[in-house]
């Protein structure tokens, strides 16, 4: 009777939960982990506390439960959103008095724990009273305190490949015990591929979609891509403002423009816009790129970026998308020079190391009788009195060089002029 109730209870659960791997050998995808010493460490019960960092549906909970099953240890699962300090204290107290091998405490969304809650874990993780497995979709470096990070192995999981998702779907279709095998349905390869592509590496989402499709089909039918497509609603991109995807995507966008790849730059721009990014944020980054990465190689870039920002302010979405695309492609194809960026960084580093030197007396402001009496501005040579504005006079107490021009794009002309002016200055100094 109890077994029948348990079978009914399991049957009522979502397919993604029913098909969760029971041991490490059933894990699909994450080959970089499954083909590493990780598996042997778990099976030899030598794996300490770990943090699993990866996108939704990449297998964090599955791996945690598989570890518990492999190690045959007491498994406690809590969600950081729903848990509190008092519950955590009770769990840790119970673990200390547990005579069985140490407890595995799995904390889902561990990034939601505040500093006090994370501090509470430290002694028991340090002493091995518990084996902590934390799961997070957020970069642990930003959310997990350093003492806890240093006591855990950090394992990064990737979104599952299309092939891994298809393998998981096929397994669920064939499994009579936990899956959809009793429905005797088949999905054409194009339908499986369609689901896998739609779900962006999220196995949970893929299995839930599969369950919806098969549950609404007659038993024993073969489902086509067209039939499956009716259950695929508009994708919501994994993109959160001010979170990992926000920073990772803008980083890819900037580096694509810097690397002169307009196709990649447009792709990452589209990802950000589809994900709901503020267009003004993107326009601000273009303004930075125009000076930092393009600079004097094509000074039109900063005008273009500024006009794009203005369009984002005046028009807003959706019209400003075209302005962003226009400026993105222009900046990606523009010649690149970071000479002005390097000049400023070099000068700043010099000042921080050596301090600020005094302004030469001949360059100081000479307005006012007191300044004149002190000799400010005396012997200053007015540049417009000299050919090409070069007097040969120095503008720092000791001559220094910070700007090194690059012979790229429009800066090539400036580099030639810079060299000519330096030669003229040196002649007039003699």
Protein backbone atom coordinates (compact mmCIF):
# COMPACT_ATOMS: atom_id res chain seq x y z
CA UNK A 1 0.00 0.00 0.00
CA UNK A 2 2.82 2.40 0.93
CA UNK A 3 4.67 1.58 -2.31
CA UNK A 4 1.52 2.31 -4.32
CA UNK A 5 1.10 5.68 -2.59
CA UNK A 6 4.76 6.51 -3.24
CA UNK A 7 4.36 5.59 -6.92
CA UNK A 8 1.31 7.84 -7.22
CA UNK A 9 3.11 10.63 -5.39
CA UNK A 10 6.09 10.43 -7.76
CA UNK A 11 3.80 10.29 -10.81
CA UNK A 12 2.25 13.60 -9.78
CA UNK A 13 5.60 15.36 -9.72
CA UNK A 14 7.00 17.23 -12.74
CA UNK A 15 8.96 15.13 -15.23
CA UNK A 16 12.10 17.17 -14.58
CA UNK A 17 12.03 16.10 -10.93
CA UNK A 18 11.14 12.45 -11.67
CA UNK A 19 14.03 12.12 -14.14
CA UNK A 20 16.63 13.63 -11.85
CA UNK A 21 19.85 11.52 -12.00
CA UNK A 22 20.19 9.05 -9.13
CA UNK A 23 23.99 8.76 -9.34
CA UNK A 24 26.92 10.33 -11.15
CA UNK A 25 26.80 7.84 -14.03
CA UNK A 26 23.34 9.18 -14.97
CA UNK A 27 24.55 12.80 -15.25
CA UNK A 28 24.37 14.05 -18.84
CA UNK A 29 26.49 16.94 -20.06
CA UNK A 30 29.18 18.63 -17.94
CA UNK A 31 31.78 16.35 -19.52
CA UNK A 32 34.56 18.66 -18.30
CA UNK A 33 33.54 17.67 -14.76
CA UNK A 34 32.55 14.04 -15.27
CA UNK A 35 35.88 13.29 -16.99
CA UNK A 36 37.93 14.88 -14.22
CA UNK A 37 39.19 13.61 -10.83
CA UNK A 38 35.89 14.88 -9.37
CA UNK A 39 34.12 11.52 -9.86
CA UNK A 40 36.86 9.52 -8.10
CA UNK A 41 37.00 12.04 -5.26
CA UNK A 42 33.26 11.59 -4.67
CA UNK A 43 33.38 7.81 -4.90
CA UNK A 44 36.36 7.70 -2.52
CA UNK A 45 34.49 10.06 -0.16
CA UNK A 46 37.37 12.53 -0.46
CA UNK A 47 35.39 15.44 -1.85
CA UNK A 48 35.08 18.26 0.66
CA UNK A 49 32.67 21.18 0.59
CA UNK A 50 31.91 22.60 -2.85
CA UNK A 51 30.12 25.47 -4.53
CA UNK A 52 28.31 24.65 -7.78
CA UNK A 53 28.05 27.75 -9.96
CA UNK A 54 26.08 27.62 -13.20
CA UNK A 55 22.96 28.68 -15.08
CA UNK A 56 19.48 27.29 -14.34
CA UNK A 57 18.96 23.70 -15.46
CA UNK A 58 22.67 22.90 -15.71
CA UNK A 59 22.45 20.14 -13.09
CA UNK A 60 23.49 21.72 -9.78
CA UNK A 61 20.81 20.02 -7.66
CA UNK A 62 21.18 16.77 -9.61
CA UNK A 63 24.92 16.67 -8.95
CA UNK A 64 24.37 17.42 -5.25
CA UNK A 65 21.84 14.59 -4.87
CA UNK A 66 24.02 12.23 -6.90
CA UNK A 67 26.95 12.95 -4.56
CA UNK A 68 24.76 12.16 -1.54
CA UNK A 69 23.63 8.88 -3.13
CA UNK A 70 27.21 7.91 -4.08
CA UNK A 71 28.54 8.72 -0.61
CA UNK A 72 25.44 7.24 1.12
CA UNK A 73 25.22 10.18 3.50
CA UNK A 74 22.42 12.00 5.25
CA UNK A 75 21.23 14.70 2.83
CA UNK A 76 19.55 17.91 4.01
CA UNK A 77 18.30 20.31 1.36
CA UNK A 78 17.30 23.90 2.12
CA UNK A 79 16.63 26.96 0.00
CA UNK A 80 18.40 30.14 1.08
CA UNK A 81 15.33 32.22 0.18
CA UNK A 82 13.12 30.33 2.64
CA UNK A 83 15.65 29.50 5.35
CA UNK A 84 16.69 31.61 8.34
CA UNK A 85 19.35 31.68 11.05
CA UNK A 86 17.31 29.69 13.59
CA UNK A 87 16.69 26.84 11.11
CA UNK A 88 20.36 26.84 10.17
CA UNK A 89 21.40 26.65 13.83
CA UNK A 90 19.11 23.64 14.37
CA UNK A 91 20.51 21.83 11.33
CA UNK A 92 24.12 22.42 12.40
CA UNK A 93 23.34 21.38 15.99
CA UNK A 94 21.72 18.16 14.77
CA UNK A 95 24.66 17.43 12.47
CA UNK A 96 27.09 17.63 15.42
CA UNK A 97 25.16 14.89 17.26
CA UNK A 98 24.66 12.68 14.20
CA UNK A 99 26.61 9.42 14.67
CA UNK A 100 26.49 8.59 10.96
CA UNK A 101 29.15 9.94 8.54
CA UNK A 102 28.94 13.69 8.30
CA UNK A 103 25.83 15.30 6.89
CA UNK A 104 25.65 16.81 3.42
CA UNK A 105 23.95 20.19 3.68
CA UNK A 106 22.77 21.36 0.27
CA UNK A 107 21.90 25.06 0.13
CA UNK A 108 20.17 26.11 -3.06
CA UNK A 109 20.58 29.77 -4.05
CA UNK A 110 23.28 30.18 -1.43
CA UNK A 111 24.03 33.67 -2.77
CA UNK A 112 20.82 34.77 -1.00
CA UNK A 113 22.37 34.11 2.42
CA UNK A 114 23.59 37.27 4.10
CA UNK A 115 27.03 37.60 5.73
CA UNK A 116 25.77 36.51 9.17
CA UNK A 117 24.22 33.33 7.77
CA UNK A 118 27.38 32.54 5.82
CA UNK A 119 29.54 33.22 8.89
CA UNK A 120 27.41 30.71 10.82
CA UNK A 121 28.48 27.94 8.41
CA UNK A 122 32.22 28.54 8.78
CA UNK A 123 33.07 26.53 11.95
CA UNK A 124 31.17 23.41 10.85
CA UNK A 125 32.55 23.52 7.31
CA UNK A 126 36.05 24.00 8.77
CA UNK A 127 35.67 21.08 11.22
CA UNK A 128 34.01 18.81 8.66
CA UNK A 129 30.84 18.49 10.75
CA UNK A 130 28.96 19.08 7.50
CA UNK A 131 29.88 18.71 3.88
CA UNK A 132 28.49 21.88 2.36
CA UNK A 133 27.23 21.90 -1.22
CA UNK A 134 26.10 25.34 -2.27
CA UNK A 135 24.35 26.03 -5.56
CA UNK A 136 24.19 29.44 -7.18
CA UNK A 137 23.47 31.05 -10.52
CA UNK A 138 25.44 34.13 -9.40
CA UNK A 139 29.20 34.63 -9.48
CA UNK A 140 30.34 33.44 -6.01
CA UNK A 141 33.18 35.98 -6.05
CA UNK A 142 30.58 38.73 -5.66
CA UNK A 143 28.17 37.05 -3.24
CA UNK A 144 30.04 34.53 -1.08
CA UNK A 145 32.30 35.77 1.71
CA UNK A 146 36.02 35.05 1.24
CA UNK A 147 36.43 32.80 4.32
CA UNK A 148 33.69 30.48 3.01
CA UNK A 149 35.06 30.61 -0.54
CA UNK A 150 38.49 29.54 0.73
CA UNK A 151 36.97 26.48 2.46
CA UNK A 152 35.12 25.25 -0.64
CA UNK A 153 36.05 23.95 -4.06
CA UNK A 154 34.44 26.11 -6.73
CA UNK A 155 32.96 24.13 -9.62
CA UNK A 156 31.61 26.03 -12.61
CA UNK A 157 28.95 24.33 -14.72
CA UNK A 158 28.19 25.24 -18.33
CA UNK A 159 24.76 25.35 -20.02
CA UNK A 160 24.05 21.86 -21.35
CA UNK A 161 24.86 21.29 -25.01
CA UNK A 162 22.12 20.64 -27.54
CA UNK A 163 23.33 17.03 -27.81
CA UNK A 164 23.13 16.54 -24.02
CA UNK A 165 19.58 17.95 -23.91
CA UNK A 166 18.49 15.63 -26.74
CA UNK A 167 19.99 12.63 -24.89
CA UNK A 168 18.07 13.61 -21.72
CA UNK A 169 14.81 13.95 -23.70
CA UNK A 170 15.27 10.56 -25.38
CA UNK A 171 15.94 8.95 -22.02
CA UNK A 172 12.74 10.45 -20.57
CA UNK A 173 10.70 9.22 -23.56
CA UNK A 174 12.02 5.67 -23.14
CA UNK A 175 11.88 5.39 -19.32
CA UNK A 176 8.79 3.42 -18.22
CA UNK A 177 9.48 3.72 -14.48
CA UNK A 178 9.98 7.47 -14.05
CA UNK A 179 9.53 8.94 -17.51
CA UNK A 180 7.03 8.93 -20.36
CA UNK A 181 7.68 5.42 -21.66
CA UNK A 182 4.11 4.31 -20.89
CA UNK A 183 2.82 6.87 -23.43
CA UNK A 184 4.73 5.04 -26.20
CA UNK A 185 5.23 8.38 -28.02
CA UNK A 186 8.12 9.26 -30.27
CA UNK A 187 9.48 12.64 -31.30
CA UNK A 188 11.04 13.14 -34.69
CA UNK A 189 14.68 14.23 -34.55
CA UNK A 190 13.73 17.71 -35.82
CA UNK A 191 11.26 18.05 -32.93
CA UNK A 192 13.89 17.06 -30.37
CA UNK A 193 16.35 19.52 -31.88
CA UNK A 194 13.72 22.26 -31.82
CA UNK A 195 13.08 21.74 -28.09
CA UNK A 196 16.81 21.59 -27.30
CA UNK A 197 17.49 24.84 -29.18
CA UNK A 198 14.51 26.57 -27.58
CA UNK A 199 15.61 25.72 -24.03
CA UNK A 200 19.10 27.27 -24.18
CA UNK A 201 20.91 24.54 -22.26
CA UNK A 202 18.28 24.31 -19.49
CA UNK A 203 17.42 20.61 -18.99
CA UNK A 204 14.62 21.37 -16.52
CA UNK A 205 12.88 23.60 -19.03
CA UNK A 206 13.38 21.04 -21.82
CA UNK A 207 11.82 18.21 -19.78
CA UNK A 208 8.87 20.36 -18.75
CA UNK A 209 8.23 21.26 -22.40
CA UNK A 210 8.49 17.59 -23.37
CA UNK A 211 5.98 16.62 -20.69
CA UNK A 212 3.50 19.21 -21.98
CA UNK A 213 3.85 17.96 -25.55
CA UNK A 214 3.51 14.25 -24.77
CA UNK A 215 0.71 14.74 -22.21
CA UNK A 216 -1.38 16.44 -24.88
CA UNK A 217 -0.74 13.86 -27.59
CA UNK A 218 -2.56 10.54 -28.16
CA UNK A 219 -0.69 7.46 -26.97
CA UNK A 220 1.59 5.86 -29.53
CA UNK A 221 1.87 8.89 -31.82
CA UNK A 222 4.94 10.31 -33.52
CA UNK A 223 5.26 14.03 -32.88
CA UNK A 224 6.64 16.26 -35.61
CA UNK A 225 8.58 19.52 -35.27
CA UNK A 226 5.43 21.39 -36.32
CA UNK A 227 3.44 19.69 -33.56
CA UNK A 228 6.13 20.42 -30.97
CA UNK A 229 6.43 24.07 -32.02
CA UNK A 230 2.88 24.79 -30.79
CA UNK A 231 4.12 24.28 -27.22
CA UNK A 232 7.18 26.52 -27.57
CA UNK A 233 6.25 29.97 -26.44
CA UNK A 234 8.45 33.05 -26.73
CA UNK A 235 11.81 32.46 -25.13
CA UNK A 236 12.78 34.50 -22.14
CA UNK A 237 16.52 35.06 -22.35
CA UNK A 238 18.64 34.31 -19.29
CA UNK A 239 19.53 37.95 -18.83
CA UNK A 240 19.23 39.87 -15.57
CA UNK A 241 20.13 43.51 -15.12
CA UNK A 242 23.05 44.02 -12.74
CA UNK A 243 23.75 40.29 -12.55
CA UNK A 244 26.25 37.91 -14.19
CA UNK A 245 24.66 37.81 -17.64
CA UNK A 246 24.54 41.61 -17.72
CA UNK A 247 28.28 41.89 -17.07
CA UNK A 248 29.28 38.91 -19.21
CA UNK A 249 27.27 40.08 -22.23
CA UNK A 250 28.45 43.69 -22.16
CA UNK A 251 32.00 42.35 -21.83
CA UNK A 252 31.52 40.20 -24.95
CA UNK A 253 30.02 43.20 -26.78
CA UNK A 254 32.94 45.51 -25.92
CA UNK A 255 35.55 42.91 -26.84
CA UNK A 256 33.80 42.17 -30.15
CA UNK A 257 33.94 45.86 -31.11
CA UNK A 258 37.56 46.11 -29.95
CA UNK A 259 38.33 43.02 -32.04
CA UNK A 260 36.76 44.58 -35.18
CA UNK A 261 34.01 41.93 -35.49
CA UNK A 262 30.73 43.66 -36.45
CA UNK A 263 28.76 40.38 -36.65
CA UNK A 264 29.59 39.36 -33.08
CA UNK A 265 29.05 42.93 -31.86
CA UNK A 266 25.57 43.06 -33.45
CA UNK A 267 24.74 39.63 -32.00
CA UNK A 268 25.60 40.68 -28.43
CA UNK A 269 23.76 43.96 -28.96
CA UNK A 270 20.65 41.98 -29.97
CA UNK A 271 21.02 39.74 -26.90
CA UNK A 272 21.11 42.78 -24.62
CA UNK A 273 18.14 44.45 -26.28
CA UNK A 274 16.08 41.24 -26.24
CA UNK A 275 17.04 40.76 -22.58
CA UNK A 276 15.63 44.19 -21.69
CA UNK A 277 18.88 46.09 -21.22
CA UNK A 278 18.62 49.87 -20.86
CA UNK A 279 19.74 51.25 -24.28
CA UNK A 280 21.38 54.22 -22.56
CA UNK A 281 23.70 51.84 -20.73
CA UNK A 282 24.84 50.41 -24.08
CA UNK A 283 25.22 53.92 -25.54
CA UNK A 284 27.40 54.95 -22.58
CA UNK A 285 29.66 51.97 -23.26
CA UNK A 286 29.94 53.05 -26.90
CA UNK A 287 31.06 56.50 -25.75
CA UNK A 288 33.79 54.88 -23.65
CA UNK A 289 34.85 52.60 -26.53
CA UNK A 290 35.05 55.61 -28.88
CA UNK A 291 37.79 57.16 -26.72
CA UNK A 292 39.43 54.12 -25.11
CA UNK A 293 39.66 51.77 -28.09
CA UNK A 294 39.25 53.90 -31.23
CA UNK A 295 40.61 57.23 -30.08
CA UNK A 296 42.65 59.22 -32.56
CA UNK A 297 42.55 56.46 -35.18
CA UNK A 298 39.07 57.79 -36.11
CA UNK A 299 37.86 60.74 -34.07
CA UNK A 300 34.47 60.54 -35.79
CA UNK A 301 33.65 57.61 -33.48
CA UNK A 302 33.10 59.80 -30.43
CA UNK A 303 30.76 62.05 -32.46
CA UNK A 304 28.90 58.97 -33.69
CA UNK A 305 28.66 57.52 -30.15
CA UNK A 306 27.48 60.84 -28.74
CA UNK A 307 24.79 61.12 -31.42
CA UNK A 308 23.73 57.54 -30.62
CA UNK A 309 23.40 58.37 -26.91
CA UNK A 310 21.36 61.43 -27.82
CA UNK A 311 19.06 59.26 -29.96
CA UNK A 312 18.58 56.82 -27.07
CA UNK A 313 17.60 59.73 -24.80
CA UNK A 314 15.29 61.39 -27.35
CA UNK A 315 13.70 58.37 -29.06
CA UNK A 316 13.85 55.49 -26.58
CA UNK A 317 12.89 51.96 -27.59
CA UNK A 318 12.19 50.53 -30.08
CA UNK A 319 13.40 53.21 -32.52
CA UNK A 320 16.80 53.78 -30.88
CA UNK A 321 17.73 50.15 -31.61
CA UNK A 322 18.69 51.25 -35.13
CA UNK A 323 20.92 54.04 -33.82
CA UNK A 324 22.67 51.54 -31.58
CA UNK A 325 23.15 49.15 -34.49
CA UNK A 326 24.49 52.00 -36.66
CA UNK A 327 27.03 53.10 -34.04
CA UNK A 328 27.95 49.51 -33.13
CA UNK A 329 28.92 48.53 -36.69
CA UNK A 330 30.74 51.85 -37.26
CA UNK A 331 32.79 51.41 -34.08
CA UNK A 332 33.52 47.75 -34.82
CA UNK A 333 34.87 48.58 -38.29
CA UNK A 334 36.74 51.72 -37.24
CA UNK A 335 40.56 51.51 -36.94
CA UNK A 336 41.60 51.07 -33.32
CA UNK A 337 44.11 52.98 -31.19
CA UNK A 338 44.38 53.10 -27.42
CA UNK A 339 47.27 55.58 -27.46
CA UNK A 340 45.40 58.32 -25.57
CA UNK A 341 44.20 55.80 -22.96
CA UNK A 342 47.76 54.54 -22.48
CA UNK A 343 49.11 58.10 -22.31
CA UNK A 344 46.72 59.01 -19.51
CA UNK A 345 47.39 55.75 -17.61
CA UNK A 346 51.16 56.26 -17.91
CA UNK A 347 50.97 59.86 -16.69
CA UNK A 348 48.68 58.88 -13.80
CA UNK A 349 51.01 56.06 -12.72
CA UNK A 350 53.96 58.46 -12.85
CA UNK A 351 52.18 61.02 -10.65
CA UNK A 352 51.16 58.35 -8.11
CA UNK A 353 54.72 57.14 -7.88
CA UNK A 354 56.64 60.43 -7.96
CA UNK A 355 54.06 62.97 -6.83
CA UNK A 356 53.09 66.20 -8.57
CA UNK A 357 55.87 68.51 -9.71
CA UNK A 358 55.53 72.29 -9.38
CA UNK A 359 54.14 74.32 -12.26
CA UNK A 360 57.12 76.07 -13.96
CA UNK A 361 57.23 79.73 -12.99
CA UNK A 362 57.04 80.87 -16.63
CA UNK A 363 53.73 79.02 -17.03
CA UNK A 364 52.05 80.27 -13.87
CA UNK A 365 49.12 82.67 -13.95
CA UNK A 366 50.42 86.24 -14.10
CA UNK A 367 47.20 88.09 -13.33
CA UNK A 368 47.36 90.40 -10.29
CA UNK A 369 50.16 92.51 -8.91
CA UNK A 370 51.24 89.91 -6.35
CA UNK A 371 51.74 87.28 -9.08
CA UNK A 372 53.74 89.72 -11.18
CA UNK A 373 55.99 90.59 -8.23
CA UNK A 374 56.65 86.88 -7.74
CA UNK A 375 57.74 86.63 -11.36
CA UNK A 376 54.86 84.46 -12.54
CA UNK A 377 54.69 84.28 -16.32
CA UNK A 378 58.06 85.96 -16.79
CA UNK A 379 59.97 84.64 -19.79
CA UNK A 380 56.88 82.84 -21.12
CA UNK A 381 57.16 82.64 -24.91
CA UNK A 382 53.82 83.23 -26.63
CA UNK A 383 53.36 80.28 -28.98
CA UNK A 384 51.52 82.24 -31.69
CA UNK A 385 54.64 84.34 -32.22
CA UNK A 386 56.44 81.30 -33.59
CA UNK A 387 56.14 79.26 -36.78
CA UNK A 388 53.74 76.32 -36.26
CA UNK A 389 53.30 77.46 -32.63
CA UNK A 390 56.60 75.87 -31.62
CA UNK A 391 58.87 78.09 -29.50
CA UNK A 392 61.14 75.38 -28.14
CA UNK A 393 60.06 76.21 -24.59
CA UNK A 394 59.37 73.41 -22.09
CA UNK A 395 55.98 72.98 -20.42
CA UNK A 396 57.17 70.77 -17.54
CA UNK A 397 60.16 71.27 -15.25
CA UNK A 398 61.67 68.05 -16.55
CA UNK A 399 60.87 66.76 -20.00
CA UNK A 400 58.84 63.54 -20.01
CA UNK A 401 57.12 61.44 -22.65
CA UNK A 402 53.72 59.85 -22.05
CA UNK A 403 52.01 59.85 -25.44
CA UNK A 404 53.22 57.38 -28.07
CA UNK A 405 51.20 57.70 -31.31
CA UNK A 406 50.14 54.68 -33.32
CA UNK A 407 50.35 54.70 -37.09
CA UNK A 408 46.77 53.46 -37.52
CA UNK A 409 43.95 55.15 -39.42
CA UNK A 410 43.77 58.92 -39.03
CA UNK A 411 46.33 58.81 -36.23
CA UNK A 412 49.02 58.00 -38.78
CA UNK A 413 48.83 61.63 -39.97
CA UNK A 414 48.94 62.84 -36.37
CA UNK A 415 51.94 60.60 -35.68
CA UNK A 416 53.82 62.20 -38.58
CA UNK A 417 52.91 65.68 -37.33
CA UNK A 418 53.92 64.73 -33.77
CA UNK A 419 57.34 63.62 -35.00
CA UNK A 420 57.82 66.77 -37.11
CA UNK A 421 56.85 69.05 -34.22
CA UNK A 422 59.19 67.24 -31.83
CA UNK A 423 62.07 67.70 -34.29
CA UNK A 424 61.23 71.39 -34.69
CA UNK A 425 61.04 71.86 -30.92
CA UNK A 426 64.41 70.19 -30.42
CA UNK A 427 66.02 72.49 -33.02
CA UNK A 428 64.64 75.61 -31.38
CA UNK A 429 65.80 74.52 -27.95
CA UNK A 430 69.43 74.52 -29.10
